[in-house]
């Protein structure tokens, strides 16, 4: 199978293929949401894809620079813009996959004061965005252990992913010049 793939596309994981893969997976997540409730057997697959994104982001953002340094190489990104776009697509993909999950589990929610059970793609996406941003208005509440667990996992992923992306982007900004002599000399400023 690998040989067949290599003949079709010799550099399968070149930058263009990664962008294509992320775009296709994000589009698939949007399609899963719009198409209606996904069957229950798809939920573990959604969990695996979300795990894949998190593991990849943690590896790229935290460990790739150290691995390059251990090999004696200079760590470089293909492009800052590309990295930011891929991170935003991954973030959107996670939102969409969780929204598709909430749509499939709509009967496991309690809704206050009107019927806002995530039975439609828009309400499921609304709930997913509210959870990922940790706003939690309280108008849609998970009623089962499964949906509460999903909401907690998504909130944690949202926070961790946002912190990873922001910290990595900030670390790549050029270090500003300083007038403080202690900072210029590199000595401890305590």
N, C-alpha and C. Protein backbone atom coordinates (compact mmCIF):
# COMPACT_ATOMS: atom_id res chain seq x y z
N UNK A 1 0.83 -1.19 0.00
CA UNK A 1 0.00 0.00 0.00
C UNK A 1 0.88 1.25 0.00
N UNK A 2 1.90 1.28 0.86
CA UNK A 2 2.78 2.44 0.91
C UNK A 2 3.48 2.67 -0.42
N UNK A 3 3.90 1.58 -1.05
CA UNK A 3 4.58 1.71 -2.33
C UNK A 3 3.64 2.32 -3.37
N UNK A 4 2.38 1.93 -3.35
CA UNK A 4 1.41 2.49 -4.29
C UNK A 4 1.20 3.98 -4.03
N UNK A 5 1.13 4.35 -2.76
CA UNK A 5 0.96 5.77 -2.42
C UNK A 5 2.19 6.56 -2.83
N UNK A 6 3.38 6.01 -2.60
CA UNK A 6 4.62 6.71 -2.99
C UNK A 6 4.70 6.89 -4.50
N UNK A 7 4.20 5.90 -5.26
CA UNK A 7 4.21 6.06 -6.72
C UNK A 7 3.25 7.16 -7.15
N UNK A 8 2.11 7.24 -6.47
CA UNK A 8 1.14 8.27 -6.80
C UNK A 8 1.62 9.66 -6.37
N UNK A 9 2.20 9.73 -5.20
CA UNK A 9 2.68 11.00 -4.66
C UNK A 9 3.93 10.71 -3.86
N UNK A 10 5.12 10.91 -4.44
CA UNK A 10 6.37 10.52 -3.78
C UNK A 10 6.63 11.23 -2.45
N UNK A 11 6.33 12.49 -2.34
CA UNK A 11 6.56 13.25 -1.10
C UNK A 11 5.23 13.49 -0.40
N UNK A 12 4.64 12.40 0.09
CA UNK A 12 3.29 12.48 0.64
C UNK A 12 3.16 13.53 1.74
N UNK A 13 4.12 13.64 2.63
CA UNK A 13 3.98 14.57 3.74
C UNK A 13 4.73 15.86 3.53
N UNK A 14 4.83 16.30 2.30
CA UNK A 14 5.40 17.62 2.07
C UNK A 14 4.38 18.65 2.56
N UNK A 15 4.77 19.92 2.67
CA UNK A 15 3.86 20.92 3.24
C UNK A 15 2.50 20.99 2.55
N UNK A 16 2.45 20.85 1.24
CA UNK A 16 1.17 20.92 0.54
C UNK A 16 0.23 19.80 0.94
N UNK A 17 0.76 18.62 1.18
CA UNK A 17 -0.07 17.48 1.57
C UNK A 17 -0.64 17.67 2.97
N UNK A 18 0.14 18.23 3.87
CA UNK A 18 -0.35 18.49 5.23
C UNK A 18 -1.50 19.50 5.18
N UNK A 19 -1.33 20.56 4.41
CA UNK A 19 -2.38 21.56 4.29
C UNK A 19 -3.64 20.95 3.69
N UNK A 20 -3.45 20.11 2.67
CA UNK A 20 -4.58 19.43 2.04
C UNK A 20 -5.30 18.54 3.04
N UNK A 21 -4.53 17.75 3.82
CA UNK A 21 -5.12 16.86 4.82
C UNK A 21 -5.93 17.64 5.85
N UNK A 22 -5.38 18.71 6.36
CA UNK A 22 -6.08 19.51 7.38
C UNK A 22 -7.34 20.13 6.78
N UNK A 23 -7.24 20.64 5.57
CA UNK A 23 -8.41 21.24 4.92
C UNK A 23 -9.51 20.20 4.69
N UNK A 24 -9.13 19.02 4.20
CA UNK A 24 -10.11 17.95 3.95
C UNK A 24 -10.77 17.51 5.25
N UNK A 25 -9.98 17.35 6.30
CA UNK A 25 -10.55 16.92 7.58
C UNK A 25 -11.48 17.98 8.17
N UNK A 26 -11.14 19.26 8.01
CA UNK A 26 -12.01 20.34 8.48
C UNK A 26 -13.31 20.35 7.67
N UNK A 27 -13.20 20.18 6.36
CA UNK A 27 -14.39 20.12 5.51
C UNK A 27 -15.25 18.91 5.87
N UNK A 28 -14.61 17.78 6.17
CA UNK A 28 -15.35 16.58 6.57
C UNK A 28 -16.09 16.82 7.90
N UNK A 29 -15.46 17.53 8.81
CA UNK A 29 -16.11 17.85 10.09
C UNK A 29 -17.32 18.75 9.85
N UNK A 30 -17.18 19.74 8.96
CA UNK A 30 -18.30 20.62 8.63
C UNK A 30 -19.42 19.83 7.97
N UNK A 31 -19.06 18.92 7.09
CA UNK A 31 -20.05 18.07 6.41
C UNK A 31 -20.78 17.18 7.41
N UNK A 32 -20.03 16.62 8.36
CA UNK A 32 -20.64 15.77 9.39
C UNK A 32 -21.64 16.56 10.22
N UNK A 33 -21.35 17.82 10.48
CA UNK A 33 -22.26 18.65 11.26
C UNK A 33 -23.51 18.99 10.46
N UNK A 34 -23.32 19.39 9.22
CA UNK A 34 -24.44 19.83 8.39
C UNK A 34 -25.32 18.64 7.99
N UNK A 35 -24.73 17.47 7.78
CA UNK A 35 -25.48 16.30 7.33
C UNK A 35 -26.44 15.77 8.38
N UNK A 36 -26.26 16.18 9.60
CA UNK A 36 -27.16 15.71 10.65
C UNK A 36 -26.43 14.85 11.66
N UNK A 37 -27.18 14.30 12.58
CA UNK A 37 -26.53 13.51 13.64
C UNK A 37 -25.70 12.36 13.08
N UNK A 38 -24.49 12.27 13.57
CA UNK A 38 -23.61 11.17 13.16
C UNK A 38 -24.01 9.93 13.95
N UNK A 39 -23.82 8.75 13.38
CA UNK A 39 -24.13 7.53 14.14
C UNK A 39 -23.19 7.39 15.35
N UNK A 40 -23.65 6.67 16.34
CA UNK A 40 -22.87 6.52 17.57
C UNK A 40 -21.50 5.88 17.32
N UNK A 41 -21.37 5.01 16.34
CA UNK A 41 -20.09 4.35 16.09
C UNK A 41 -19.04 5.33 15.56
N UNK A 42 -19.46 6.52 15.11
CA UNK A 42 -18.52 7.51 14.59
C UNK A 42 -17.88 8.32 15.73
N UNK A 43 -18.53 8.37 16.88
CA UNK A 43 -18.02 9.18 17.99
C UNK A 43 -16.60 8.79 18.43
N UNK A 44 -16.25 7.50 18.54
CA UNK A 44 -14.85 7.17 18.86
C UNK A 44 -13.87 7.63 17.78
N UNK A 45 -14.29 7.60 16.53
CA UNK A 45 -13.42 8.08 15.44
C UNK A 45 -13.18 9.58 15.56
N UNK A 46 -14.23 10.30 15.95
CA UNK A 46 -14.09 11.74 16.18
C UNK A 46 -13.09 11.98 17.31
N UNK A 47 -13.21 11.20 18.38
CA UNK A 47 -12.26 11.32 19.49
C UNK A 47 -10.84 11.04 19.06
N UNK A 48 -10.65 10.06 18.18
CA UNK A 48 -9.31 9.74 17.69
C UNK A 48 -8.75 10.89 16.86
N UNK A 49 -9.57 11.51 16.03
CA UNK A 49 -9.10 12.62 15.20
C UNK A 49 -8.73 13.82 16.08
N UNK A 50 -9.54 14.11 17.07
CA UNK A 50 -9.23 15.22 17.97
C UNK A 50 -7.93 14.93 18.72
N UNK A 51 -7.75 13.69 19.16
CA UNK A 51 -6.50 13.30 19.83
C UNK A 51 -5.31 13.46 18.90
N UNK A 52 -5.49 13.09 17.63
CA UNK A 52 -4.41 13.24 16.65
C UNK A 52 -3.99 14.71 16.51
N UNK A 53 -4.96 15.60 16.48
CA UNK A 53 -4.65 17.03 16.36
C UNK A 53 -3.86 17.50 17.58
N UNK A 54 -4.32 17.12 18.77
CA UNK A 54 -3.66 17.57 20.00
C UNK A 54 -2.24 17.03 20.08
N UNK A 55 -2.05 15.75 19.80
CA UNK A 55 -0.71 15.16 19.85
C UNK A 55 0.20 15.85 18.83
N UNK A 56 -0.30 16.09 17.64
CA UNK A 56 0.50 16.76 16.61
C UNK A 56 0.89 18.17 17.06
N UNK A 57 -0.07 18.92 17.58
CA UNK A 57 0.22 20.30 18.00
C UNK A 57 1.24 20.31 19.14
N UNK A 58 1.07 19.44 20.10
CA UNK A 58 2.02 19.39 21.21
C UNK A 58 3.42 19.04 20.69
N UNK A 59 3.52 18.07 19.79
CA UNK A 59 4.81 17.70 19.22
C UNK A 59 5.45 18.84 18.45
N UNK A 60 4.68 19.46 17.58
CA UNK A 60 5.23 20.54 16.74
C UNK A 60 5.60 21.76 17.58
N UNK A 61 4.71 22.14 18.48
CA UNK A 61 4.93 23.38 19.22
C UNK A 61 5.90 23.24 20.38
N UNK A 62 6.00 22.06 20.96
CA UNK A 62 6.85 21.92 22.15
C UNK A 62 8.14 21.13 21.90
N UNK A 63 8.06 20.06 21.12
CA UNK A 63 9.20 19.15 21.04
C UNK A 63 10.04 19.27 19.78
N UNK A 64 9.48 19.74 18.67
CA UNK A 64 10.26 19.84 17.44
C UNK A 64 11.50 20.73 17.58
N UNK A 65 11.42 21.87 18.26
CA UNK A 65 12.64 22.68 18.43
C UNK A 65 13.74 21.92 19.18
N UNK A 66 13.37 21.18 20.21
CA UNK A 66 14.37 20.42 20.98
C UNK A 66 14.95 19.28 20.15
N UNK A 67 14.11 18.62 19.38
CA UNK A 67 14.61 17.53 18.53
C UNK A 67 15.59 18.04 17.49
N UNK A 68 15.28 19.19 16.91
CA UNK A 68 16.19 19.78 15.92
C UNK A 68 17.52 20.14 16.58
N UNK A 69 17.45 20.69 17.77
CA UNK A 69 18.67 21.06 18.49
C UNK A 69 19.50 19.82 18.82
N UNK A 70 18.86 18.74 19.22
CA UNK A 70 19.58 17.50 19.52
C UNK A 70 20.29 16.95 18.28
N UNK A 71 19.69 17.15 17.11
CA UNK A 71 20.30 16.68 15.87
C UNK A 71 21.34 17.67 15.33
N UNK A 72 21.49 18.81 16.01
CA UNK A 72 22.44 19.82 15.58
C UNK A 72 21.93 20.66 14.42
N UNK A 73 20.63 20.69 14.23
CA UNK A 73 20.03 21.46 13.15
C UNK A 73 19.40 22.73 13.70
N UNK A 74 19.18 23.67 12.81
CA UNK A 74 18.47 24.90 13.17
C UNK A 74 16.99 24.64 12.95
N UNK A 75 16.19 24.95 13.95
CA UNK A 75 14.74 24.73 13.84
C UNK A 75 14.12 25.88 13.06
N UNK A 76 13.41 25.54 12.02
CA UNK A 76 12.73 26.55 11.21
C UNK A 76 11.32 26.11 10.90
N UNK A 77 10.43 27.07 10.80
CA UNK A 77 9.08 26.81 10.33
C UNK A 77 9.05 27.01 8.84
N UNK A 78 8.15 26.32 8.18
CA UNK A 78 8.00 26.53 6.74
C UNK A 78 7.56 27.97 6.49
N UNK A 79 6.61 28.43 7.29
CA UNK A 79 6.10 29.80 7.18
C UNK A 79 5.28 30.10 8.42
N UNK A 80 5.40 31.30 8.95
CA UNK A 80 4.60 31.69 10.11
C UNK A 80 3.13 31.74 9.73
N UNK A 81 2.85 32.30 8.56
CA UNK A 81 1.46 32.42 8.10
C UNK A 81 0.83 31.03 7.95
N UNK A 82 1.58 30.11 7.36
CA UNK A 82 1.08 28.75 7.17
C UNK A 82 0.79 28.11 8.52
N UNK A 83 1.69 28.27 9.47
CA UNK A 83 1.50 27.68 10.80
C UNK A 83 0.28 28.26 11.49
N UNK A 84 0.06 29.55 11.36
CA UNK A 84 -1.11 30.18 11.97
C UNK A 84 -2.39 29.70 11.31
N UNK A 85 -2.40 29.62 9.99
CA UNK A 85 -3.59 29.14 9.27
C UNK A 85 -3.89 27.69 9.65
N UNK A 86 -2.87 26.84 9.71
CA UNK A 86 -3.09 25.44 10.10
C UNK A 86 -3.60 25.34 11.53
N UNK A 87 -3.08 26.16 12.42
CA UNK A 87 -3.54 26.14 13.81
C UNK A 87 -5.01 26.57 13.89
N UNK A 88 -5.37 27.60 13.14
CA UNK A 88 -6.76 28.05 13.15
C UNK A 88 -7.69 27.02 12.52
N UNK A 89 -7.24 26.36 11.45
CA UNK A 89 -8.04 25.29 10.84
C UNK A 89 -8.22 24.12 11.83
N UNK A 90 -7.16 23.77 12.54
CA UNK A 90 -7.27 22.70 13.54
C UNK A 90 -8.24 23.10 14.64
N UNK A 91 -8.19 24.35 15.07
CA UNK A 91 -9.10 24.84 16.10
C UNK A 91 -10.54 24.75 15.61
N UNK A 92 -10.76 25.20 14.36
CA UNK A 92 -12.10 25.13 13.78
C UNK A 92 -12.56 23.68 13.62
N UNK A 93 -11.64 22.81 13.23
CA UNK A 93 -11.99 21.40 13.07
C UNK A 93 -12.43 20.78 14.40
N UNK A 94 -11.72 21.10 15.46
CA UNK A 94 -12.10 20.59 16.77
C UNK A 94 -13.49 21.11 17.16
N UNK A 95 -13.75 22.40 16.91
CA UNK A 95 -15.08 22.95 17.18
C UNK A 95 -16.15 22.17 16.42
N UNK A 96 -15.91 21.94 15.14
CA UNK A 96 -16.90 21.27 14.30
C UNK A 96 -17.11 19.81 14.71
N UNK A 97 -16.03 19.10 15.05
CA UNK A 97 -16.19 17.71 15.48
C UNK A 97 -16.97 17.62 16.78
N UNK A 98 -16.68 18.51 17.72
CA UNK A 98 -17.44 18.48 18.97
C UNK A 98 -18.90 18.85 18.72
N UNK A 99 -19.13 19.82 17.82
CA UNK A 99 -20.51 20.20 17.50
C UNK A 99 -21.25 19.01 16.90
N UNK A 100 -20.59 18.26 16.02
CA UNK A 100 -21.22 17.06 15.44
C UNK A 100 -21.51 16.03 16.54
N UNK A 101 -20.64 15.92 17.50
CA UNK A 101 -20.87 15.01 18.63
C UNK A 101 -22.06 15.46 19.46
N UNK A 102 -22.14 16.75 19.73
CA UNK A 102 -23.26 17.27 20.52
C UNK A 102 -24.59 17.09 19.77
N UNK A 103 -24.55 17.23 18.47
CA UNK A 103 -25.76 17.02 17.67
C UNK A 103 -26.21 15.57 17.78
N UNK A 104 -25.27 14.65 17.76
CA UNK A 104 -25.60 13.22 17.89
C UNK A 104 -26.13 12.90 19.29
N UNK A 105 -25.71 13.66 20.28
CA UNK A 105 -26.10 13.40 21.67
C UNK A 105 -27.10 14.44 22.18
N UNK A 106 -27.89 15.03 21.30
CA UNK A 106 -28.79 16.14 21.66
C UNK A 106 -29.77 15.77 22.76
N UNK A 107 -30.19 14.52 22.83
CA UNK A 107 -31.17 14.13 23.85
C UNK A 107 -30.57 14.12 25.26
N UNK A 108 -29.25 14.24 25.37
CA UNK A 108 -28.59 14.21 26.68
C UNK A 108 -28.32 15.61 27.23
N UNK A 109 -29.10 16.59 26.83
CA UNK A 109 -28.92 17.96 27.30
C UNK A 109 -30.20 18.48 27.93
N UNK A 110 -30.05 19.34 28.94
CA UNK A 110 -31.16 20.05 29.56
C UNK A 110 -31.07 21.49 29.08
N UNK A 111 -32.21 22.04 28.69
CA UNK A 111 -32.21 23.38 28.13
C UNK A 111 -33.06 24.30 28.99
N UNK A 112 -32.53 25.49 29.26
CA UNK A 112 -33.23 26.50 30.04
C UNK A 112 -33.36 27.74 29.18
N UNK A 113 -34.20 28.57 29.26
CA UNK A 113 -35.62 28.56 29.59
C UNK A 113 -36.49 28.13 28.41
N UNK A 114 -35.91 28.15 27.20
CA UNK A 114 -36.67 27.71 26.02
C UNK A 114 -35.99 26.48 25.44
N UNK A 115 -36.61 25.89 24.44
CA UNK A 115 -36.06 24.68 23.85
C UNK A 115 -34.87 25.01 22.94
N UNK A 116 -33.67 24.92 23.49
CA UNK A 116 -32.44 25.13 22.72
C UNK A 116 -31.61 23.86 22.66
N UNK A 117 -32.25 22.69 22.81
CA UNK A 117 -31.51 21.44 22.71
C UNK A 117 -30.76 21.43 21.39
N UNK A 118 -29.48 21.06 21.40
CA UNK A 118 -28.69 21.13 20.15
C UNK A 118 -29.13 20.09 19.12
N UNK A 119 -30.37 20.28 18.60
CA UNK A 119 -30.92 19.36 17.63
C UNK A 119 -30.62 19.80 16.19
N UNK A 120 -30.16 21.02 16.03
CA UNK A 120 -29.84 21.52 14.69
C UNK A 120 -28.34 21.80 14.63
N UNK A 121 -27.77 21.80 13.44
CA UNK A 121 -26.33 22.09 13.33
C UNK A 121 -25.94 23.44 13.92
N UNK A 122 -26.76 24.45 13.75
CA UNK A 122 -26.43 25.79 14.28
C UNK A 122 -26.39 25.77 15.80
N UNK A 123 -27.38 25.16 16.45
CA UNK A 123 -27.38 25.10 17.92
C UNK A 123 -26.24 24.24 18.44
N UNK A 124 -25.91 23.16 17.74
CA UNK A 124 -24.79 22.33 18.16
C UNK A 124 -23.47 23.09 18.02
N UNK A 125 -23.31 23.84 16.93
CA UNK A 125 -22.12 24.66 16.74
C UNK A 125 -22.06 25.78 17.79
N UNK A 126 -23.21 26.39 18.07
CA UNK A 126 -23.30 27.42 19.11
C UNK A 126 -22.79 26.86 20.44
N UNK A 127 -23.27 25.69 20.83
CA UNK A 127 -22.85 25.10 22.09
C UNK A 127 -21.36 24.78 22.06
N UNK A 128 -20.87 24.28 20.94
CA UNK A 128 -19.45 23.94 20.83
C UNK A 128 -18.58 25.19 20.99
N UNK A 129 -18.97 26.29 20.37
CA UNK A 129 -18.20 27.54 20.50
C UNK A 129 -18.25 28.06 21.93
N UNK A 130 -19.41 28.00 22.55
CA UNK A 130 -19.56 28.46 23.93
C UNK A 130 -18.65 27.65 24.86
N UNK A 131 -18.61 26.34 24.66
CA UNK A 131 -17.76 25.49 25.50
C UNK A 131 -16.28 25.75 25.22
N UNK A 132 -15.90 25.82 23.94
CA UNK A 132 -14.49 25.99 23.59
C UNK A 132 -13.96 27.34 24.08
N UNK A 133 -14.81 28.35 24.09
CA UNK A 133 -14.37 29.66 24.56
C UNK A 133 -14.52 29.80 26.07
N UNK A 134 -15.05 28.81 26.73
CA UNK A 134 -15.27 28.72 28.17
C UNK A 134 -16.23 29.79 28.69
N UNK A 135 -17.09 30.31 27.84
CA UNK A 135 -18.08 31.29 28.31
C UNK A 135 -19.17 30.63 29.13
N UNK A 136 -19.71 29.53 28.62
CA UNK A 136 -20.71 28.77 29.35
C UNK A 136 -21.88 29.59 29.82
N UNK A 137 -22.75 30.03 28.92
CA UNK A 137 -23.89 30.86 29.28
C UNK A 137 -24.86 30.16 30.22
N UNK A 138 -24.96 28.85 30.14
CA UNK A 138 -25.87 28.13 31.01
C UNK A 138 -27.23 27.88 30.40
N UNK A 139 -27.45 28.32 29.15
CA UNK A 139 -28.74 28.08 28.52
C UNK A 139 -28.86 26.66 27.98
N UNK A 140 -27.75 26.01 27.72
CA UNK A 140 -27.73 24.60 27.33
C UNK A 140 -26.81 23.90 28.33
N UNK A 141 -27.31 22.88 28.99
CA UNK A 141 -26.54 22.20 30.03
C UNK A 141 -26.49 20.70 29.74
N UNK A 142 -25.31 20.10 29.80
CA UNK A 142 -25.23 18.66 29.62
C UNK A 142 -25.94 17.95 30.77
N UNK A 143 -26.75 16.94 30.42
CA UNK A 143 -27.54 16.25 31.44
C UNK A 143 -27.01 14.87 31.77
N UNK A 144 -26.14 14.31 30.94
CA UNK A 144 -25.63 12.97 31.21
C UNK A 144 -24.14 13.04 31.50
N UNK A 145 -23.62 11.97 32.04
CA UNK A 145 -22.19 11.90 32.33
C UNK A 145 -21.37 12.01 31.05
N UNK A 146 -21.83 11.37 29.99
CA UNK A 146 -21.12 11.42 28.71
C UNK A 146 -21.01 12.85 28.17
N UNK A 147 -22.13 13.58 28.15
CA UNK A 147 -22.08 14.94 27.61
C UNK A 147 -21.33 15.89 28.53
N UNK A 148 -21.42 15.68 29.84
CA UNK A 148 -20.62 16.50 30.77
C UNK A 148 -19.12 16.25 30.53
N UNK A 149 -18.77 14.99 30.34
CA UNK A 149 -17.37 14.64 30.09
C UNK A 149 -16.89 15.27 28.79
N UNK A 150 -17.70 15.19 27.74
CA UNK A 150 -17.33 15.83 26.47
C UNK A 150 -17.12 17.33 26.63
N UNK A 151 -18.02 17.97 27.38
CA UNK A 151 -17.89 19.42 27.60
C UNK A 151 -16.62 19.75 28.37
N UNK A 152 -16.28 18.96 29.38
CA UNK A 152 -15.05 19.20 30.14
C UNK A 152 -13.81 18.98 29.27
N UNK A 153 -13.84 17.92 28.48
CA UNK A 153 -12.70 17.64 27.60
C UNK A 153 -12.53 18.75 26.58
N UNK A 154 -13.65 19.21 25.99
CA UNK A 154 -13.54 20.27 25.00
C UNK A 154 -13.05 21.57 25.62
N UNK A 155 -13.51 21.91 26.80
CA UNK A 155 -13.04 23.12 27.47
C UNK A 155 -11.54 23.04 27.73
N UNK A 156 -11.07 21.91 28.20
CA UNK A 156 -9.65 21.73 28.47
C UNK A 156 -8.84 21.83 27.18
N UNK A 157 -9.31 21.16 26.13
CA UNK A 157 -8.62 21.22 24.85
C UNK A 157 -8.57 22.65 24.33
N UNK A 158 -9.69 23.36 24.45
CA UNK A 158 -9.74 24.75 23.99
C UNK A 158 -8.73 25.63 24.70
N UNK A 159 -8.65 25.49 26.01
CA UNK A 159 -7.69 26.28 26.78
C UNK A 159 -6.25 25.92 26.45
N UNK A 160 -5.96 24.63 26.46
CA UNK A 160 -4.58 24.17 26.21
C UNK A 160 -4.13 24.55 24.80
N UNK A 161 -4.99 24.31 23.82
CA UNK A 161 -4.63 24.62 22.44
C UNK A 161 -4.42 26.12 22.25
N UNK A 162 -5.30 26.92 22.82
CA UNK A 162 -5.14 28.38 22.72
C UNK A 162 -3.83 28.82 23.38
N UNK A 163 -3.54 28.29 24.55
CA UNK A 163 -2.29 28.66 25.24
C UNK A 163 -1.06 28.21 24.46
N UNK A 164 -1.10 27.00 23.91
CA UNK A 164 0.04 26.51 23.12
C UNK A 164 0.29 27.39 21.90
N UNK A 165 -0.77 27.70 21.19
CA UNK A 165 -0.62 28.50 19.97
C UNK A 165 -0.14 29.90 20.30
N UNK A 166 -0.75 30.52 21.30
CA UNK A 166 -0.36 31.89 21.66
C UNK A 166 1.08 31.92 22.17
N UNK A 167 1.44 30.98 23.04
CA UNK A 167 2.80 31.00 23.59
C UNK A 167 3.84 30.75 22.50
N UNK A 168 3.54 29.86 21.56
CA UNK A 168 4.49 29.60 20.48
C UNK A 168 4.64 30.81 19.57
N UNK A 169 3.54 31.45 19.24
CA UNK A 169 3.60 32.64 18.38
C UNK A 169 4.36 33.78 19.07
N UNK A 170 4.11 33.95 20.37
CA UNK A 170 4.81 35.01 21.11
C UNK A 170 6.30 34.70 21.19
N UNK A 171 6.66 33.43 21.36
CA UNK A 171 8.08 33.09 21.46
C UNK A 171 8.83 33.34 20.15
N UNK A 172 8.10 33.40 19.06
CA UNK A 172 8.74 33.64 17.76
C UNK A 172 8.90 35.12 17.43
N UNK A 173 8.27 35.98 18.24
CA UNK A 173 8.43 37.42 18.01
C UNK A 173 9.87 37.82 18.32
N UNK A 174 10.38 38.79 17.59
CA UNK A 174 11.76 39.22 17.88
C UNK A 174 11.84 39.84 19.27
N UNK A 175 12.95 39.58 19.94
CA UNK A 175 13.15 40.11 21.27
C UNK A 175 13.43 41.61 21.15
N UNK A 176 12.65 42.45 21.84
CA UNK A 176 12.87 43.89 21.74
C UNK A 176 14.16 44.32 22.45
N UNK A 177 14.73 45.37 21.97
CA UNK A 177 15.92 45.94 22.62
C UNK A 177 15.51 46.52 23.97
N UNK A 178 16.46 46.58 24.88
CA UNK A 178 16.19 47.11 26.21
C UNK A 178 17.25 48.13 26.58
N UNK A 179 16.87 49.06 27.44
CA UNK A 179 17.84 50.05 27.93
C UNK A 179 18.41 49.64 29.29
N UNK A 180 17.81 48.63 29.88
CA UNK A 180 18.26 48.16 31.18
C UNK A 180 19.59 47.42 31.02
N UNK A 181 20.61 47.90 31.72
CA UNK A 181 21.96 47.33 31.59
C UNK A 181 22.01 45.88 32.06
N UNK A 182 21.25 45.54 33.11
CA UNK A 182 21.25 44.16 33.60
C UNK A 182 20.67 43.21 32.56
N UNK A 183 19.62 43.64 31.87
CA UNK A 183 19.03 42.79 30.83
C UNK A 183 19.95 42.69 29.63
N UNK A 184 20.65 43.75 29.29
CA UNK A 184 21.57 43.73 28.17
C UNK A 184 22.74 42.79 28.42
N UNK A 185 23.18 42.74 29.67
CA UNK A 185 24.34 41.90 29.99
C UNK A 185 23.93 40.42 30.16
N UNK A 186 22.64 40.17 30.29
CA UNK A 186 22.17 38.79 30.45
C UNK A 186 22.26 38.30 31.88
N UNK A 187 22.59 39.18 32.82
CA UNK A 187 22.66 38.77 34.22
C UNK A 187 21.26 38.67 34.81
N UNK A 188 21.17 37.94 35.90
CA UNK A 188 19.90 37.76 36.58
C UNK A 188 19.42 39.11 37.07
N UNK A 189 18.15 39.41 36.83
CA UNK A 189 17.59 40.72 37.17
C UNK A 189 16.95 40.77 38.55
N UNK A 190 17.09 39.73 39.36
CA UNK A 190 16.47 39.73 40.68
C UNK A 190 17.14 40.64 41.56
